[in-house]
């Protein structure tokens, strides 16, 4: 995989400042940002779509799975009619803000009897 994708994923994991994975986008990631299936963070759907068509579709280790799932969801007609929406809905998930993610990882307190 592309070393830049790996470095962005490492930074997203909490090892440094987070920024969008689109080349030339220097925006800091908002708390509610987007993640590709491979873990690469993006600041917006527009940045992801532009990066996908420029380089990410070649660098992403999940690209083949994303393309196969897109084809299974709608076929060629859907790709032509609503390709970007289909790409976004297939490849991206919303990242949890750090505080919410930390709270979700904690086990609930034992119930008092």
N, C-alpha and C. Protein backbone atom coordinates (compact mmCIF):
# COMPACT_ATOMS: atom_id res chain seq x y z
N UNK A 1 0.85 -1.19 0.00
CA UNK A 1 0.00 0.00 0.00
C UNK A 1 0.88 1.24 0.00
N UNK A 2 0.29 2.33 -0.39
CA UNK A 2 0.99 3.61 -0.44
C UNK A 2 1.41 4.02 0.96
N UNK A 3 2.68 4.40 1.17
CA UNK A 3 3.13 4.79 2.50
C UNK A 3 2.36 5.98 3.05
N UNK A 4 1.87 6.87 2.18
CA UNK A 4 1.13 8.02 2.69
C UNK A 4 -0.19 7.58 3.31
N UNK A 5 -0.84 6.56 2.74
CA UNK A 5 -2.08 6.04 3.32
C UNK A 5 -1.77 5.43 4.69
N UNK A 6 -0.71 4.65 4.77
CA UNK A 6 -0.34 4.04 6.05
C UNK A 6 -0.02 5.09 7.10
N UNK A 7 0.67 6.14 6.71
CA UNK A 7 1.02 7.17 7.69
C UNK A 7 -0.22 7.92 8.16
N UNK A 8 -1.17 8.16 7.26
CA UNK A 8 -2.41 8.84 7.67
C UNK A 8 -3.22 7.95 8.61
N UNK A 9 -3.25 6.65 8.34
CA UNK A 9 -3.99 5.73 9.20
C UNK A 9 -3.34 5.68 10.58
N UNK A 10 -2.01 5.65 10.64
CA UNK A 10 -1.32 5.67 11.93
C UNK A 10 -1.64 6.94 12.70
N UNK A 11 -1.63 8.07 12.02
CA UNK A 11 -1.95 9.32 12.69
C UNK A 11 -3.39 9.30 13.19
N UNK A 12 -4.29 8.70 12.40
CA UNK A 12 -5.68 8.61 12.83
C UNK A 12 -5.80 7.75 14.07
N UNK A 13 -4.94 6.77 14.22
CA UNK A 13 -4.98 5.89 15.38
C UNK A 13 -4.50 6.58 16.65
N UNK A 14 -4.14 7.84 16.56
CA UNK A 14 -3.78 8.58 17.75
C UNK A 14 -2.29 8.80 17.91
N UNK A 15 -1.54 8.58 16.88
CA UNK A 15 -0.09 8.71 16.98
C UNK A 15 0.42 10.07 16.54
N UNK A 16 -0.48 11.01 16.26
CA UNK A 16 -0.06 12.35 15.84
C UNK A 16 -1.24 13.16 15.36
N UNK A 17 -0.98 14.35 14.84
CA UNK A 17 -2.04 15.22 14.35
C UNK A 17 -2.73 14.57 13.17
N UNK A 18 -4.04 14.75 13.10
CA UNK A 18 -4.80 14.13 12.03
C UNK A 18 -5.13 15.15 10.95
N UNK A 19 -4.95 14.73 9.70
CA UNK A 19 -5.34 15.56 8.57
C UNK A 19 -5.98 14.67 7.52
N UNK A 20 -6.63 15.31 6.58
CA UNK A 20 -7.32 14.60 5.51
C UNK A 20 -6.32 13.80 4.67
N UNK A 21 -6.76 12.64 4.17
CA UNK A 21 -5.89 11.78 3.36
C UNK A 21 -5.81 12.20 1.90
N UNK A 22 -6.63 13.17 1.49
CA UNK A 22 -6.56 13.62 0.10
C UNK A 22 -5.25 14.39 -0.09
N UNK A 23 -4.48 14.02 -1.11
CA UNK A 23 -3.26 14.78 -1.37
C UNK A 23 -3.61 16.26 -1.58
N UNK A 24 -2.79 17.11 -1.04
CA UNK A 24 -2.93 18.56 -1.15
C UNK A 24 -4.03 19.15 -0.28
N UNK A 25 -4.76 18.34 0.48
CA UNK A 25 -5.74 18.88 1.43
C UNK A 25 -5.05 18.93 2.78
N UNK A 26 -4.93 20.09 3.32
CA UNK A 26 -4.22 20.26 4.59
C UNK A 26 -5.18 20.54 5.74
N UNK A 27 -6.46 20.29 5.54
CA UNK A 27 -7.44 20.56 6.59
C UNK A 27 -7.25 19.59 7.75
N UNK A 28 -7.38 20.12 8.95
CA UNK A 28 -7.42 19.25 10.13
C UNK A 28 -8.77 18.53 10.10
N UNK A 29 -8.78 17.31 10.55
CA UNK A 29 -10.03 16.56 10.53
C UNK A 29 -10.98 17.08 11.59
N UNK A 30 -12.24 17.26 11.23
CA UNK A 30 -13.22 17.62 12.24
C UNK A 30 -13.49 16.41 13.13
N UNK A 31 -14.12 16.63 14.28
CA UNK A 31 -14.41 15.51 15.19
C UNK A 31 -15.24 14.44 14.47
N UNK A 32 -16.20 14.87 13.67
CA UNK A 32 -17.03 13.92 12.92
C UNK A 32 -16.53 13.87 11.48
N UNK A 33 -15.48 13.09 11.25
CA UNK A 33 -14.92 12.95 9.91
C UNK A 33 -15.30 11.59 9.33
N UNK A 34 -14.79 11.29 8.16
CA UNK A 34 -15.13 10.06 7.46
C UNK A 34 -13.92 9.16 7.34
N UNK A 35 -14.18 7.86 7.34
CA UNK A 35 -13.11 6.87 7.19
C UNK A 35 -13.42 5.94 6.04
N UNK A 36 -12.42 5.73 5.20
CA UNK A 36 -12.51 4.71 4.16
C UNK A 36 -12.44 3.36 4.86
N UNK A 37 -12.84 2.30 4.19
CA UNK A 37 -12.75 0.96 4.76
C UNK A 37 -11.32 0.61 5.18
N UNK A 38 -10.34 1.18 4.51
CA UNK A 38 -8.94 0.88 4.82
C UNK A 38 -8.47 1.65 6.07
N UNK A 39 -9.29 2.58 6.56
CA UNK A 39 -8.93 3.35 7.73
C UNK A 39 -8.41 4.74 7.43
N UNK A 40 -8.23 5.08 6.16
CA UNK A 40 -7.73 6.40 5.79
C UNK A 40 -8.81 7.44 6.09
N UNK A 41 -8.46 8.50 6.82
CA UNK A 41 -9.44 9.53 7.18
C UNK A 41 -9.59 10.60 6.10
N UNK A 42 -10.80 11.11 5.95
CA UNK A 42 -11.09 12.19 5.01
C UNK A 42 -11.96 13.22 5.70
N UNK A 43 -11.75 14.51 5.34
CA UNK A 43 -12.50 15.58 5.99
C UNK A 43 -13.91 15.72 5.43
N UNK A 44 -14.13 15.26 4.20
CA UNK A 44 -15.45 15.41 3.58
C UNK A 44 -15.65 14.36 2.49
N UNK A 45 -16.90 14.19 2.09
CA UNK A 45 -17.20 13.28 0.98
C UNK A 45 -16.53 13.77 -0.30
N UNK A 46 -16.52 15.09 -0.50
CA UNK A 46 -15.92 15.65 -1.71
C UNK A 46 -14.43 15.32 -1.79
N UNK A 47 -13.73 15.43 -0.65
CA UNK A 47 -12.29 15.10 -0.64
C UNK A 47 -12.08 13.62 -0.93
N UNK A 48 -12.94 12.76 -0.35
CA UNK A 48 -12.80 11.32 -0.60
C UNK A 48 -13.01 11.01 -2.08
N UNK A 49 -14.07 11.54 -2.67
CA UNK A 49 -14.38 11.24 -4.08
C UNK A 49 -13.24 11.71 -4.98
N UNK A 50 -12.73 12.92 -4.73
CA UNK A 50 -11.62 13.43 -5.54
C UNK A 50 -10.38 12.56 -5.36
N UNK A 51 -10.08 12.19 -4.11
CA UNK A 51 -8.91 11.34 -3.85
C UNK A 51 -9.08 9.96 -4.47
N UNK A 52 -10.29 9.41 -4.42
CA UNK A 52 -10.56 8.09 -4.97
C UNK A 52 -10.24 8.06 -6.46
N UNK A 53 -10.72 9.07 -7.17
CA UNK A 53 -10.50 9.10 -8.63
C UNK A 53 -9.06 9.45 -8.99
N UNK A 54 -8.38 10.19 -8.13
CA UNK A 54 -6.99 10.59 -8.41
C UNK A 54 -6.01 9.47 -8.05
N UNK A 55 -6.03 9.00 -6.82
CA UNK A 55 -5.01 8.02 -6.40
C UNK A 55 -5.52 6.94 -5.46
N UNK A 56 -6.51 7.25 -4.64
CA UNK A 56 -6.86 6.31 -3.56
C UNK A 56 -7.38 4.97 -4.09
N UNK A 57 -8.07 4.97 -5.22
CA UNK A 57 -8.57 3.71 -5.77
C UNK A 57 -7.43 2.77 -6.17
N UNK A 58 -6.25 3.34 -6.41
CA UNK A 58 -5.08 2.53 -6.75
C UNK A 58 -4.31 2.10 -5.50
N UNK A 59 -4.34 2.94 -4.44
CA UNK A 59 -3.56 2.70 -3.24
C UNK A 59 -4.32 1.95 -2.15
N UNK A 60 -5.62 2.03 -2.16
CA UNK A 60 -6.44 1.47 -1.09
C UNK A 60 -6.43 -0.06 -1.12
N UNK A 61 -6.07 -0.69 0.00
CA UNK A 61 -6.09 -2.16 0.02
C UNK A 61 -7.50 -2.74 -0.06
N UNK A 62 -8.52 -1.94 0.16
CA UNK A 62 -9.91 -2.39 0.09
C UNK A 62 -10.58 -2.05 -1.24
N UNK A 63 -9.84 -1.48 -2.19
CA UNK A 63 -10.42 -1.00 -3.44
C UNK A 63 -11.18 -2.09 -4.20
N UNK A 64 -10.63 -3.27 -4.29
CA UNK A 64 -11.30 -4.34 -5.04
C UNK A 64 -12.63 -4.70 -4.37
N UNK A 65 -12.65 -4.77 -3.05
CA UNK A 65 -13.89 -5.09 -2.34
C UNK A 65 -14.92 -3.97 -2.50
N UNK A 66 -14.47 -2.72 -2.44
CA UNK A 66 -15.36 -1.58 -2.60
C UNK A 66 -15.99 -1.61 -4.00
N UNK A 67 -15.16 -1.83 -5.02
CA UNK A 67 -15.66 -1.88 -6.39
C UNK A 67 -16.64 -3.03 -6.59
N UNK A 68 -16.34 -4.18 -6.02
CA UNK A 68 -17.24 -5.34 -6.14
C UNK A 68 -18.57 -5.08 -5.45
N UNK A 69 -18.53 -4.47 -4.28
CA UNK A 69 -19.76 -4.17 -3.55
C UNK A 69 -20.59 -3.12 -4.29
N UNK A 70 -19.93 -2.15 -4.92
CA UNK A 70 -20.65 -1.15 -5.70
C UNK A 70 -21.35 -1.81 -6.88
N UNK A 71 -20.67 -2.71 -7.55
CA UNK A 71 -21.26 -3.40 -8.69
C UNK A 71 -22.44 -4.27 -8.25
N UNK A 72 -22.31 -4.90 -7.09
CA UNK A 72 -23.39 -5.75 -6.59
C UNK A 72 -24.61 -4.93 -6.16
N UNK A 73 -24.37 -3.72 -5.67
CA UNK A 73 -25.48 -2.87 -5.21
C UNK A 73 -26.33 -2.33 -6.35
N UNK A 74 -25.72 -2.06 -7.50
CA UNK A 74 -26.54 -1.41 -8.51
C UNK A 74 -26.19 -1.68 -9.95
N UNK A 75 -25.07 -2.26 -10.21
CA UNK A 75 -24.69 -2.53 -11.59
C UNK A 75 -24.28 -1.27 -12.33
N UNK A 76 -24.08 -1.40 -13.62
CA UNK A 76 -23.57 -0.31 -14.46
C UNK A 76 -24.51 0.88 -14.52
N UNK A 77 -25.81 0.63 -14.58
CA UNK A 77 -26.77 1.73 -14.69
C UNK A 77 -26.71 2.63 -13.45
N UNK A 78 -26.63 2.02 -12.28
CA UNK A 78 -26.56 2.81 -11.04
C UNK A 78 -25.25 3.56 -10.95
N UNK A 79 -24.16 2.94 -11.41
CA UNK A 79 -22.86 3.61 -11.38
C UNK A 79 -22.86 4.87 -12.24
N UNK A 80 -23.50 4.81 -13.39
CA UNK A 80 -23.55 5.97 -14.27
C UNK A 80 -24.47 7.06 -13.71
N UNK A 81 -25.56 6.64 -13.10
CA UNK A 81 -26.56 7.61 -12.65
C UNK A 81 -26.18 8.26 -11.33
N UNK A 82 -25.67 7.48 -10.38
CA UNK A 82 -25.35 8.02 -9.06
C UNK A 82 -24.05 7.42 -8.52
N UNK A 83 -23.01 7.48 -9.33
CA UNK A 83 -21.74 6.85 -8.99
C UNK A 83 -21.09 7.37 -7.72
N UNK A 84 -21.03 8.70 -7.55
CA UNK A 84 -20.38 9.25 -6.36
C UNK A 84 -21.13 8.91 -5.09
N UNK A 85 -22.47 8.98 -5.13
CA UNK A 85 -23.26 8.63 -3.95
C UNK A 85 -23.09 7.16 -3.60
N UNK A 86 -23.06 6.32 -4.62
CA UNK A 86 -22.88 4.89 -4.40
C UNK A 86 -21.49 4.61 -3.84
N UNK A 87 -20.49 5.28 -4.35
CA UNK A 87 -19.12 5.13 -3.85
C UNK A 87 -19.04 5.52 -2.39
N UNK A 88 -19.58 6.68 -2.06
CA UNK A 88 -19.53 7.18 -0.68
C UNK A 88 -20.27 6.24 0.26
N UNK A 89 -21.46 5.80 -0.12
CA UNK A 89 -22.24 4.94 0.77
C UNK A 89 -21.60 3.56 0.93
N UNK A 90 -20.84 3.13 -0.05
CA UNK A 90 -20.20 1.81 0.00
C UNK A 90 -18.87 1.85 0.76
N UNK A 91 -18.10 2.90 0.57
CA UNK A 91 -16.72 2.91 1.08
C UNK A 91 -16.53 3.61 2.42
N UNK A 92 -17.37 4.58 2.75
CA UNK A 92 -17.11 5.43 3.91
C UNK A 92 -17.99 5.11 5.11
N UNK A 93 -17.42 5.35 6.28
CA UNK A 93 -18.18 5.33 7.53
C UNK A 93 -17.83 6.60 8.28
N UNK A 94 -18.74 7.02 9.14
CA UNK A 94 -18.48 8.21 9.96
C UNK A 94 -17.67 7.78 11.17
N UNK A 95 -16.61 8.54 11.44
CA UNK A 95 -15.78 8.27 12.61
C UNK A 95 -16.44 8.85 13.84
N UNK A 96 -16.30 8.13 14.93
CA UNK A 96 -16.82 8.65 16.20
C UNK A 96 -15.84 9.68 16.74
N UNK A 97 -16.35 10.76 17.33
CA UNK A 97 -15.43 11.67 18.01
C UNK A 97 -14.69 10.91 19.10
N UNK A 98 -13.47 11.32 19.41
CA UNK A 98 -12.61 10.58 20.33
C UNK A 98 -13.28 10.32 21.68
N UNK A 99 -13.96 11.30 22.24
CA UNK A 99 -14.59 11.11 23.55
C UNK A 99 -15.69 10.06 23.48
N UNK A 100 -16.50 10.08 22.43
CA UNK A 100 -17.56 9.10 22.28
C UNK A 100 -16.99 7.71 22.04
N UNK A 101 -15.92 7.63 21.27
CA UNK A 101 -15.30 6.33 21.00
C UNK A 101 -14.72 5.74 22.28
N UNK A 102 -14.10 6.58 23.10
CA UNK A 102 -13.53 6.10 24.36
C UNK A 102 -14.64 5.60 25.29
N UNK A 103 -15.74 6.32 25.36
CA UNK A 103 -16.86 5.92 26.20
C UNK A 103 -17.47 4.61 25.70
N UNK A 104 -17.56 4.43 24.40
CA UNK A 104 -18.13 3.21 23.83
C UNK A 104 -17.25 2.00 24.10
N UNK A 105 -15.93 2.22 24.22
CA UNK A 105 -15.01 1.11 24.47
C UNK A 105 -15.03 0.65 25.93
N UNK A 106 -15.49 1.52 26.83
CA UNK A 106 -15.51 1.16 28.24
C UNK A 106 -16.66 0.21 28.50
N UNK A 107 -16.45 -0.69 29.45
CA UNK A 107 -17.52 -1.60 29.82
C UNK A 107 -18.49 -0.86 30.73
N UNK A 108 -19.76 -1.16 30.62
CA UNK A 108 -20.72 -0.50 31.49
C UNK A 108 -20.48 -0.91 32.94
N UNK A 109 -20.80 -0.03 33.89
CA UNK A 109 -20.58 -0.39 35.30
C UNK A 109 -21.50 -1.53 35.70
N UNK A 110 -21.08 -2.36 36.62
CA UNK A 110 -21.94 -3.47 37.06
C UNK A 110 -23.19 -2.90 37.74
N UNK A 111 -24.31 -3.58 37.52
CA UNK A 111 -25.56 -3.11 38.09
C UNK A 111 -25.60 -3.39 39.59
N UNK A 112 -26.08 -2.41 40.36
CA UNK A 112 -26.20 -2.60 41.80
C UNK A 112 -27.44 -3.43 42.09
N UNK A 113 -27.31 -4.32 43.07
CA UNK A 113 -28.46 -5.17 43.41
C UNK A 113 -29.05 -4.74 44.70
